[in-house]
Amino acid sequence: MDVVKDLAAGTVGGAAQLIVGHPFDTIKVKLQSQPAPLPGQASKYAGAMDAVRQTIAAEGPRGLYKGMGAPLATVAAFNAVLFSVRGQLEGILRSQPGAPLTVNQQVVCGAGAGVAVSILACPTELIKCRLQAQSALADSGAAGVAVKYGGPMDVARHVLRSEGGARGLFKGLFPTLAREVPGNAAMFGVYEALKQYLAGGQDTSGLGRGSLIVAGGLAGGSFWLSVYPTDVIKSVIQVDDYKNPKFSGSIDAFRKILASEGVKGLYRGFGPAMARSVPANAACFLAYEVTRSSLG
C-alpha cells in the first residue's frame, strides 16, 4: 500500500514542481544551447533576463512553457518512480518498520532512485531540450536546424525514424545518469539533514509547512550545485545534430566546451537553474509531504 501512496504523492509533487519551475527551465536550456559566438560577435542572449525578454517578445508568455507537453505527460511517472523507488529502498534499509533513517541512508536511497529515474528522464529530456533549443538554434542560423518540430510526438517520430530508432531516444544516457545519481543522492541527503536539524532530532513528523518549504528548496538547490556541468553536457549532446555531430561523446563535449569557453561554459544557465530549483523543489517536497500525510 505504501507504494501506491508514494506513487500518488510523487505525482502531485511532480505536477507542483513543473508548474512552478518550467519557465526557468526553458531559459536555462536556451542559455545552455546557444552556439558560441563568432569572434567579435555578441552572444544571442546577454543573460537570463535578456533571454526572458527575447522569448516573450518573439513567442509571448507561452514561449516560456514551450516543451512542457513531454514532461507534463511523464512528470507523474518521473516523480512517482523517484519517490516510490526511494520509499522501497527506505523499507529495505530500515532496522524496523517506522524507524527513522540516517542522513547517509537517505543518500543511498536518493542514489538508487536516481538510477531508476534516469531511464525515464533520458528520452523525455531529449524531447524537451530539442523543443526548447530549436528557437535559440534556428535564430542563430546554426547548421543542421532545418528540422522544425511540431511538438513532443513530432520529435519522438523524427528521432525514431532518422536517428537510429529507440537508441536515438537514449542519446545522452551516460550524462543523464551522471546527473541523476549524485544529484538525487545530494538532494535527499540534504533534505533529511535539514529536516532533522530543524526538528532538533531524528523525529521530523512534527515539522510545519514552512520548515518543509525551506528544507525542500535548499535540497533542490543542492542537486544543481553538485551536478550542474553534467547537465550542460547532457543538453549539448541531446541537441547535437545527428548527421553532423559536433561532439563524439560526453568526454569530447566536456573537453571542447572547456577549450572554447573555459569553466564558465560548463555553468551556462546556472542562474536560472538555481532560481528554478529552489521554489520548484520547495513546491514539490511540500506537495509530496502534504499528500503523503493526508493518505495516512
Protein backbone atom coordinates (compact mmCIF):
# COMPACT_ATOMS: atom_id res chain seq x y z
CA MET A 1 0.00 0.00 0.00
CA ASP A 2 2.96 2.31 0.73
CA VAL A 3 3.99 2.11 -2.94
CA VAL A 4 0.57 3.42 -4.03
CA LYS A 5 0.82 6.30 -1.53
CA ASP A 6 4.34 7.15 -2.72
CA LEU A 7 3.19 6.99 -6.35
CA ALA A 8 0.23 9.29 -5.69
CA ALA A 9 2.19 11.77 -3.56
CA GLY A 10 5.11 11.76 -6.02
CA THR A 11 2.72 12.53 -8.88
CA VAL A 12 1.22 15.53 -7.08
CA GLY A 13 4.69 16.73 -6.08
CA GLY A 14 5.90 16.45 -9.66
CA ALA A 15 3.00 18.46 -11.05
CA ALA A 16 3.62 21.24 -8.50
CA GLN A 17 7.32 21.25 -9.36
CA LEU A 18 6.68 21.53 -13.09
CA ILE A 19 4.14 24.36 -12.94
CA VAL A 20 6.44 26.46 -10.75
CA GLY A 21 9.70 25.56 -12.46
CA HIS A 22 9.21 25.13 -16.21
CA PRO A 23 9.72 28.76 -17.33
CA PHE A 24 13.10 28.84 -15.54
CA ASP A 25 13.99 25.54 -17.22
CA THR A 26 13.20 26.92 -20.69
CA ILE A 27 15.57 29.85 -20.12
CA LYS A 28 18.27 27.51 -18.74
CA VAL A 29 18.20 25.33 -21.89
CA LYS A 30 18.19 28.35 -24.21
CA LEU A 31 21.30 29.71 -22.48
CA GLN A 32 22.98 26.29 -22.48
CA SER A 33 22.32 25.51 -26.13
CA GLN A 34 23.04 28.88 -27.77
CA PRO A 35 26.08 28.41 -30.05
CA ALA A 36 29.36 30.03 -29.01
CA PRO A 37 29.50 33.46 -30.73
CA LEU A 38 31.94 34.04 -33.60
CA PRO A 39 34.97 36.23 -32.78
CA GLY A 40 33.85 39.84 -32.39
CA GLN A 41 30.16 38.93 -32.17
CA ALA A 42 27.94 39.10 -29.09
CA SER A 43 26.06 36.05 -27.76
CA LYS A 44 22.42 35.75 -28.79
CA TYR A 45 21.39 36.21 -25.16
CA ALA A 46 23.25 38.60 -22.86
CA GLY A 47 21.96 36.69 -19.83
CA ALA A 48 18.89 35.15 -18.20
CA MET A 49 16.74 38.31 -18.13
CA ASP A 50 17.62 39.07 -21.75
CA ALA A 51 16.58 35.52 -22.72
CA VAL A 52 13.24 36.03 -20.91
CA ARG A 53 12.68 39.35 -22.71
CA GLN A 54 13.56 37.95 -26.15
CA THR A 55 11.42 34.83 -25.63
CA ILE A 56 8.34 36.82 -24.57
CA ALA A 57 8.88 39.33 -27.42
CA ALA A 58 9.13 36.57 -30.03
CA GLU A 59 6.70 33.95 -28.70
CA GLY A 60 4.65 35.59 -25.94
CA PRO A 61 4.43 34.21 -22.37
CA ARG A 62 3.50 30.80 -23.84
CA GLY A 63 7.08 30.56 -25.12
CA LEU A 64 8.26 30.11 -21.53
CA TYR A 65 6.14 26.95 -21.28
CA LYS A 66 7.41 25.51 -24.57
CA GLY A 67 8.23 21.82 -24.42
CA MET A 68 6.10 21.30 -21.31
CA GLY A 69 3.95 18.64 -23.02
CA ALA A 70 6.58 15.89 -22.74
CA PRO A 71 7.50 16.47 -19.09
CA LEU A 72 3.84 17.04 -18.12
CA ALA A 73 2.93 13.70 -19.70
CA THR A 74 5.75 11.97 -17.82
CA VAL A 75 6.22 14.13 -14.71
CA ALA A 76 3.69 11.95 -12.95
CA ALA A 77 5.66 8.84 -13.87
CA PHE A 78 9.03 10.53 -13.21
CA ASN A 79 8.29 11.64 -9.65
CA ALA A 80 6.20 8.58 -8.92
CA VAL A 81 9.22 6.41 -9.82
CA LEU A 82 11.62 8.68 -7.90
CA PHE A 83 9.61 8.71 -4.67
CA SER A 84 8.37 5.11 -4.79
CA VAL A 85 11.85 3.63 -5.52
CA ARG A 86 13.22 5.80 -2.71
CA GLY A 87 10.36 4.54 -0.49
CA GLN A 88 11.14 0.90 -1.33
CA LEU A 89 14.84 1.42 -0.59
CA GLU A 90 13.93 3.12 2.71
CA GLY A 91 11.95 0.00 3.63
CA ILE A 92 14.95 -2.24 2.85
CA LEU A 93 17.37 -0.09 4.89
CA ARG A 94 15.10 0.35 7.94
CA SER A 95 16.09 -1.64 11.03
CA GLN A 96 12.38 -1.99 11.90
CA PRO A 97 9.09 -0.67 10.44
CA GLY A 98 8.68 3.07 11.04
CA ALA A 99 12.26 3.56 12.28
CA PRO A 100 13.79 6.86 11.07
CA LEU A 101 16.69 6.66 8.63
CA THR A 102 20.08 8.34 8.98
CA VAL A 103 21.21 11.03 6.53
CA ASN A 104 23.70 8.57 4.97
CA GLN A 105 20.92 6.04 4.39
CA GLN A 106 18.84 8.74 2.65
CA VAL A 107 21.87 9.49 0.40
CA VAL A 108 21.89 5.80 -0.63
CA CYS A 109 18.12 5.87 -1.26
CA GLY A 110 18.48 9.01 -3.38
CA ALA A 111 21.27 7.49 -5.49
CA GLY A 112 19.25 4.31 -6.10
CA ALA A 113 16.18 6.33 -7.09
CA GLY A 114 18.43 8.34 -9.44
CA VAL A 115 19.40 5.20 -11.36
CA ALA A 116 15.75 4.19 -11.84
CA VAL A 117 14.63 7.65 -12.88
CA SER A 118 17.43 8.12 -15.46
CA ILE A 119 15.84 5.51 -17.74
CA LEU A 120 12.68 7.63 -17.87
CA ALA A 121 14.41 11.02 -17.80
CA CYS A 122 16.72 10.48 -20.78
CA PRO A 123 14.17 10.28 -23.65
CA THR A 124 11.88 12.87 -22.01
CA GLU A 125 14.74 15.33 -21.57
CA LEU A 126 15.90 14.77 -25.14
CA ILE A 127 12.44 15.73 -26.45
CA LYS A 128 12.16 18.70 -24.08
CA CYS A 129 15.65 20.03 -24.88
CA ARG A 130 15.08 19.77 -28.65
CA LEU A 131 11.85 21.79 -28.42
CA GLN A 132 13.31 24.42 -26.10
CA ALA A 133 16.57 24.77 -28.02
CA GLN A 134 15.19 24.86 -31.57
CA SER A 135 14.12 28.51 -31.36
CA ALA A 136 17.54 29.51 -29.95
CA LEU A 137 19.41 27.47 -32.59
CA ALA A 138 17.20 28.47 -35.52
CA ASP A 139 17.51 32.18 -34.72
CA SER A 140 21.31 31.85 -34.67
CA GLY A 141 21.33 30.23 -38.12
CA ALA A 142 23.21 27.19 -36.81
CA ALA A 143 23.80 24.43 -39.33
CA GLY A 144 21.52 21.43 -39.25
CA VAL A 145 18.46 23.14 -37.77
CA ALA A 146 16.33 22.65 -40.84
CA VAL A 147 14.09 20.34 -38.80
CA LYS A 148 11.22 22.20 -37.19
CA TYR A 149 9.46 20.08 -34.60
CA GLY A 150 5.71 20.48 -34.27
CA GLY A 151 5.62 19.12 -30.71
CA PRO A 152 6.79 16.30 -28.43
CA MET A 153 5.37 13.45 -30.56
CA ASP A 154 6.92 15.00 -33.67
CA VAL A 155 10.38 14.98 -32.03
CA ALA A 156 9.90 11.33 -30.99
CA ARG A 157 8.79 10.34 -34.52
CA HIS A 158 11.72 12.14 -36.12
CA VAL A 159 14.28 10.52 -33.76
CA LEU A 160 12.81 7.03 -34.19
CA ARG A 161 12.69 7.39 -37.96
CA SER A 162 16.03 9.02 -38.73
CA GLU A 163 18.31 8.85 -35.68
CA GLY A 164 18.76 5.14 -35.13
CA GLY A 165 15.38 4.07 -33.73
CA ALA A 166 14.82 3.65 -30.00
CA ARG A 167 18.56 4.04 -29.34
CA GLY A 168 18.28 7.62 -30.59
CA LEU A 169 15.88 8.49 -27.77
CA PHE A 170 18.53 7.37 -25.26
CA LYS A 171 21.21 9.68 -26.60
CA GLY A 172 22.83 11.28 -23.54
CA LEU A 173 22.03 8.42 -21.12
CA PHE A 174 25.54 8.50 -19.61
CA PRO A 175 25.43 12.21 -18.64
CA THR A 176 21.80 11.74 -17.51
CA LEU A 177 22.97 9.03 -15.06
CA ALA A 178 25.93 11.22 -14.06
CA ARG A 179 23.41 13.94 -13.19
CA GLU A 180 20.58 11.94 -11.58
CA VAL A 181 22.57 9.55 -9.35
CA PRO A 182 24.81 12.02 -7.46
CA GLY A 183 22.19 14.80 -7.77
CA ASN A 184 19.42 12.81 -6.07
CA ALA A 185 21.88 11.42 -3.50
CA ALA A 186 22.75 15.01 -2.56
CA MET A 187 19.15 16.23 -2.69
CA PHE A 188 17.60 13.56 -0.47
CA GLY A 189 20.60 13.64 1.90
CA VAL A 190 20.39 17.42 2.34
CA TYR A 191 16.59 17.26 2.67
CA GLU A 192 16.83 14.73 5.51
CA ALA A 193 19.73 16.55 7.19
CA LEU A 194 17.84 19.88 7.15
CA LYS A 195 14.61 18.29 8.39
CA GLN A 196 16.45 16.66 11.31
CA TYR A 197 18.27 19.94 12.06
CA LEU A 198 15.01 21.94 12.03
CA ALA A 199 13.23 19.28 14.11
CA GLY A 200 16.10 19.06 16.60
CA GLY A 201 16.37 15.29 16.22
CA GLN A 202 15.51 12.27 14.08
CA ASP A 203 11.73 12.57 14.53
CA THR A 204 10.69 15.01 11.79
CA SER A 205 6.96 14.19 11.78
CA GLY A 206 6.00 17.37 13.65
CA LEU A 207 7.59 19.83 11.19
CA GLY A 208 5.35 22.59 9.85
CA ARG A 209 4.90 23.59 6.22
CA GLY A 210 7.37 26.47 6.49
CA SER A 211 10.16 24.10 7.56
CA LEU A 212 9.32 21.67 4.76
CA ILE A 213 9.44 24.52 2.21
CA VAL A 214 12.87 25.63 3.48
CA ALA A 215 14.26 22.06 3.53
CA GLY A 216 12.81 21.21 0.11
CA GLY A 217 14.01 24.42 -1.51
CA LEU A 218 17.58 24.13 -0.22
CA ALA A 219 17.66 20.40 -1.07
CA GLY A 220 16.69 21.26 -4.66
CA GLY A 221 19.48 23.84 -4.80
CA SER A 222 21.99 21.21 -3.62
CA PHE A 223 21.00 18.98 -6.58
CA TRP A 224 22.22 21.55 -9.12
CA LEU A 225 25.21 22.68 -7.07
CA SER A 226 26.53 19.13 -7.10
CA VAL A 227 25.98 18.20 -10.77
CA TYR A 228 25.46 21.28 -12.95
CA PRO A 229 28.27 20.75 -15.52
CA THR A 230 26.95 17.26 -16.33
CA ASP A 231 23.57 18.82 -17.15
CA VAL A 232 25.23 21.24 -19.62
CA ILE A 233 26.98 18.29 -21.29
CA LYS A 234 23.70 16.33 -21.40
CA SER A 235 21.92 19.27 -23.07
CA VAL A 236 24.56 19.83 -25.77
CA ILE A 237 24.75 16.09 -26.56
CA GLN A 238 20.97 15.78 -26.82
CA VAL A 239 20.53 18.78 -29.13
CA ASP A 240 23.64 17.91 -31.20
CA ASP A 241 22.97 17.34 -34.91
CA TYR A 242 22.72 13.62 -35.74
CA LYS A 243 24.23 13.84 -39.24
CA ASN A 244 27.00 16.37 -38.50
CA PRO A 245 27.71 15.96 -34.78
CA LYS A 246 29.95 18.49 -33.05
CA PHE A 247 30.69 16.05 -30.23
CA SER A 248 31.65 12.38 -30.33
CA GLY A 249 30.51 11.82 -26.75
CA SER A 250 30.36 13.22 -23.21
CA ILE A 251 34.14 13.43 -22.64
CA ASP A 252 34.61 15.10 -26.03
CA ALA A 253 31.85 17.62 -25.23
CA PHE A 254 33.48 18.35 -21.85
CA ARG A 255 36.90 18.94 -23.48
CA LYS A 256 35.54 21.12 -26.29
CA ILE A 257 33.38 23.31 -24.04
CA LEU A 258 36.33 23.75 -21.67
CA ALA A 259 38.68 24.60 -24.56
CA SER A 260 36.36 27.11 -26.25
CA GLU A 261 34.67 28.76 -23.27
CA GLY A 262 36.60 27.76 -20.16
CA VAL A 263 34.94 26.67 -16.90
CA LYS A 264 32.31 29.39 -17.46
CA GLY A 265 30.95 27.34 -20.40
CA LEU A 266 30.13 24.46 -18.04
CA TYR A 267 27.95 26.79 -15.97
CA ARG A 268 25.86 28.34 -18.78
CA GLY A 269 22.32 28.86 -17.49
CA PHE A 270 23.33 28.18 -13.86
CA GLY A 271 21.47 31.27 -12.59
CA PRO A 272 18.02 30.26 -13.91
CA ALA A 273 18.64 26.62 -12.90
CA MET A 274 19.23 27.65 -9.29
CA ALA A 275 16.42 30.24 -9.41
CA ARG A 276 14.07 27.49 -10.61
CA SER A 277 15.33 24.73 -8.37
CA VAL A 278 14.63 26.37 -5.02
CA PRO A 279 10.93 27.30 -5.49
CA ALA A 280 10.17 24.29 -7.73
CA ASN A 281 11.58 21.75 -5.26
CA ALA A 282 10.06 23.56 -2.30
CA ALA A 283 6.69 23.14 -4.09
CA CYS A 284 7.47 19.50 -4.94
CA PHE A 285 8.51 18.37 -1.47
CA LEU A 286 5.70 20.28 0.24
CA ALA A 287 3.09 18.81 -2.13
CA TYR A 288 4.61 15.34 -1.65
CA GLU A 289 4.64 15.53 2.17
CA VAL A 290 1.14 17.02 2.44
CA THR A 291 -0.33 14.43 0.03
CA ARG A 292 1.57 11.58 1.69
CA SER A 293 0.38 12.50 5.19
CA SER A 294 -3.21 13.05 4.03
CA LEU A 295 -3.14 9.47 2.66
CA GLY A 296 -2.08 8.27 6.10
